[in-house]
C-alpha cells in the first residue's frame, strides 16, 4: 500500500488514519500540518450514462416504474432525475438575457 500524500503540505510522513466519511472512504490526518483529507473518495450515486439512458427512456414515454425495473434503479430516483432534468431545461430556455 502506498502512503497517502497530504494535499496541503505534500508530506507523506506522519499520515494517520482518521476514520471514514459518509461514503466509506478512508480519511487521514496529516500530523505535519493538521490537515484532514480523503486521498481517493468513493464515487457517489449512479454513473452519468445510466442517468442519461433513464431520462431518454422516460422522454420516450415509458413510466418511471417500468424504467426503474428495467434499469435496476428505484422509481423515486428516476422521478428525481427527470424532475431535475426538466428544471435545468426550463432554466436554460427561460434564462433572462444579460444586458
C-alpha atoms as a PDB file:
ATOM      1  CA  UNK A   1       0.000   0.000   0.000  1.00  0.00           C
ATOM      2  CA  UNK A   2       1.267   3.470  -0.828  1.00  0.00           C
ATOM      3  CA  UNK A   3       1.468   6.135   1.829  1.00  0.00           C
ATOM      4  CA  UNK A   4      -1.057   8.917   1.206  1.00  0.00           C
ATOM      5  CA  UNK A   5       0.259  12.394   0.398  1.00  0.00           C
ATOM      6  CA  UNK A   6      -1.176  15.431   2.173  1.00  0.00           C
ATOM      7  CA  UNK A   7      -2.740  17.797  -0.412  1.00  0.00           C
ATOM      8  CA  UNK A   8      -1.829  20.847   1.704  1.00  0.00           C
ATOM      9  CA  UNK A   9       1.856  20.292   2.542  1.00  0.00           C
ATOM     10  CA  UNK A  10       2.702  17.343   0.208  1.00  0.00           C
ATOM     11  CA  UNK A  11       4.142  15.377   3.139  1.00  0.00           C
ATOM     12  CA  UNK A  12       4.000  11.571   3.125  1.00  0.00           C
ATOM     13  CA  UNK A  13       5.429  11.228   6.637  1.00  0.00           C
ATOM     14  CA  UNK A  14       3.227  11.218   9.729  1.00  0.00           C
ATOM     15  CA  UNK A  15      -0.070  10.453   7.965  1.00  0.00           C
ATOM     16  CA  UNK A  16      -2.585   8.866  10.351  1.00  0.00           C
ATOM     17  CA  UNK A  17      -5.946   7.263   9.709  1.00  0.00           C
ATOM     18  CA  UNK A  18      -8.746   9.488  10.974  1.00  0.00           C
ATOM     19  CA  UNK A  19     -11.935   7.487  10.468  1.00  0.00           C
ATOM     20  CA  UNK A  20     -14.152   7.294   7.409  1.00  0.00           C
ATOM     21  CA  UNK A  21     -16.526   9.710   5.736  1.00  0.00           C
ATOM     22  CA  UNK A  22     -20.214   9.031   4.948  1.00  0.00           C
ATOM     23  CA  UNK A  23     -19.499   7.165   1.724  1.00  0.00           C
ATOM     24  CA  UNK A  24     -16.987   4.909   3.481  1.00  0.00           C
ATOM     25  CA  UNK A  25     -13.788   6.476   2.134  1.00  0.00           C
ATOM     26  CA  UNK A  26     -10.783   6.456   4.462  1.00  0.00           C
ATOM     27  CA  UNK A  27      -9.965   9.852   5.998  1.00  0.00           C
ATOM     28  CA  UNK A  28      -6.433  10.827   7.021  1.00  0.00           C
ATOM     29  CA  UNK A  29      -4.886  13.383   9.352  1.00  0.00           C
ATOM     30  CA  UNK A  30      -1.541  14.932   8.455  1.00  0.00           C
ATOM     31  CA  UNK A  31       0.435  15.316  11.690  1.00  0.00           C
ATOM     32  CA  UNK A  32       2.795  17.785   9.988  1.00  0.00           C
ATOM     33  CA  UNK A  33       0.189  20.446   9.149  1.00  0.00           C
ATOM     34  CA  UNK A  34      -3.029  19.221  10.808  1.00  0.00           C
ATOM     35  CA  UNK A  35      -4.942  18.831   7.511  1.00  0.00           C
ATOM     36  CA  UNK A  36      -7.805  16.293   7.344  1.00  0.00           C
ATOM     37  CA  UNK A  37      -8.301  14.849   3.851  1.00  0.00           C
ATOM     38  CA  UNK A  38      -9.566  11.940   1.766  1.00  0.00           C
ATOM     39  CA  UNK A  39      -6.992  10.896  -0.863  1.00  0.00           C
ATOM     40  CA  UNK A  40      -9.323   8.829  -3.091  1.00  0.00           C
ATOM     41  CA  UNK A  41     -13.007   9.333  -2.287  1.00  0.00           C
ATOM     42  CA  UNK A  42     -15.522   6.728  -3.434  1.00  0.00           C
ATOM     43  CA  UNK A  43     -17.891   7.995  -6.118  1.00  0.00           C
ATOM     44  CA  UNK A  44     -21.464   8.679  -5.050  1.00  0.00           C
ATOM     45  CA  UNK A  45     -24.564   7.820  -6.990  1.00  0.00           C
ATOM     46  CA  UNK A  46     -25.012   6.303 -10.425  1.00  0.00           C
ATOM     47  CA  UNK A  47     -22.759   6.869 -13.444  1.00  0.00           C
ATOM     48  CA  UNK A  48     -23.767   9.615 -15.886  1.00  0.00           C
ATOM     49  CA  UNK A  49     -24.502   7.200 -18.796  1.00  0.00           C
ATOM     50  CA  UNK A  50     -27.115   5.415 -16.646  1.00  0.00           C
ATOM     51  CA  UNK A  51     -28.787   8.730 -15.772  1.00  0.00           C
ATOM     52  CA  UNK A  52     -28.874   9.790 -19.429  1.00  0.00           C
ATOM     53  CA  UNK A  53     -30.363   6.478 -20.548  1.00  0.00           C
ATOM     54  CA  UNK A  54     -33.047   6.668 -17.840  1.00  0.00           C
ATOM     55  CA  UNK A  55     -34.018  10.202 -18.897  1.00  0.00           C
ATOM     56  CA  UNK A  56     -34.161   9.199 -22.578  1.00  0.00           C
ATOM     57  CA  UNK A  57     -36.366   6.212 -21.746  1.00  0.00           C
ATOM     58  CA  UNK A  58     -38.754   8.485 -19.836  1.00  0.00           C
ATOM     59  CA  UNK A  59     -38.781  11.012 -22.683  1.00  0.00           C
ATOM     60  CA  UNK A  60     -39.764   8.130 -24.998  1.00  0.00           C
ATOM     61  CA  UNK A  61     -42.928   7.733 -22.905  1.00  0.00           C
ATOM     62  CA  UNK A  62     -42.076   4.896 -20.548  1.00  0.00           C
ATOM     63  CA  UNK A  63     -43.318   5.147 -16.974  1.00  0.00           C
ATOM     64  CA  UNK A  64     -40.969   5.811 -14.076  1.00  0.00           C
ATOM     65  CA  UNK A  65     -41.664   2.405 -12.576  1.00  0.00           C
ATOM     66  CA  UNK A  66     -41.071   0.471 -15.808  1.00  0.00           C
ATOM     67  CA  UNK A  67     -37.794   2.326 -16.383  1.00  0.00           C
ATOM     68  CA  UNK A  68     -36.791   1.673 -12.774  1.00  0.00           C
ATOM     69  CA  UNK A  69     -37.427  -2.062 -13.161  1.00  0.00           C
ATOM     70  CA  UNK A  70     -35.503  -2.273 -16.448  1.00  0.00           C
ATOM     71  CA  UNK A  71     -32.521  -0.268 -15.201  1.00  0.00           C
ATOM     72  CA  UNK A  72     -32.366  -1.582 -11.627  1.00  0.00           C
ATOM     73  CA  UNK A  73     -32.935   1.862 -10.092  1.00  0.00           C
ATOM     74  CA  UNK A  74     -35.512   2.947  -7.516  1.00  0.00           C
ATOM     75  CA  UNK A  75     -38.598   4.558  -9.105  1.00  0.00           C
ATOM     76  CA  UNK A  76     -38.247   7.638  -6.892  1.00  0.00           C
ATOM     77  CA  UNK A  77     -34.664   8.065  -8.099  1.00  0.00           C
ATOM     78  CA  UNK A  78     -35.959   8.008 -11.688  1.00  0.00           C
ATOM     79  CA  UNK A  79     -38.564  10.654 -10.800  1.00  0.00           C
ATOM     80  CA  UNK A  80     -35.908  12.832  -9.133  1.00  0.00           C
ATOM     81  CA  UNK A  81     -33.601  12.628 -12.160  1.00  0.00           C
ATOM     82  CA  UNK A  82     -36.400  13.510 -14.584  1.00  0.00           C
ATOM     83  CA  UNK A  83     -37.573  16.415 -12.400  1.00  0.00           C
ATOM     84  CA  UNK A  84     -34.007  17.758 -12.189  1.00  0.00           C
ATOM     85  CA  UNK A  85     -33.664  17.443 -15.968  1.00  0.00           C
ATOM     86  CA  UNK A  86     -36.929  19.321 -16.544  1.00  0.00           C
ATOM     87  CA  UNK A  87     -35.941  22.113 -14.147  1.00  0.00           C
ATOM     88  CA  UNK A  88     -32.499  22.520 -15.734  1.00  0.00           C
ATOM     89  CA  UNK A  89     -34.045  22.560 -19.215  1.00  0.00           C
ATOM     90  CA  UNK A  90     -36.644  25.150 -18.215  1.00  0.00           C
ATOM     91  CA  UNK A  91     -33.996  27.384 -16.672  1.00  0.00           C
ATOM     92  CA  UNK A  92     -31.890  27.156 -19.833  1.00  0.00           C
ATOM     93  CA  UNK A  93     -34.854  28.001 -22.075  1.00  0.00           C
ATOM     94  CA  UNK A  94     -36.198  30.871 -19.985  1.00  0.00           C
ATOM     95  CA  UNK A  95     -32.872  32.332 -18.943  1.00  0.00           C
ATOM     96  CA  UNK A  96     -33.024  36.117 -18.975  1.00  0.00           C
ATOM     97  CA  UNK A  97     -30.582  37.730 -21.388  1.00  0.00           C
ATOM     98  CA  UNK A  98     -27.920  39.851 -19.726  1.00  0.00           C
ATOM     99  CA  UNK A  99     -27.786  43.484 -20.570  1.00  0.00           C
END
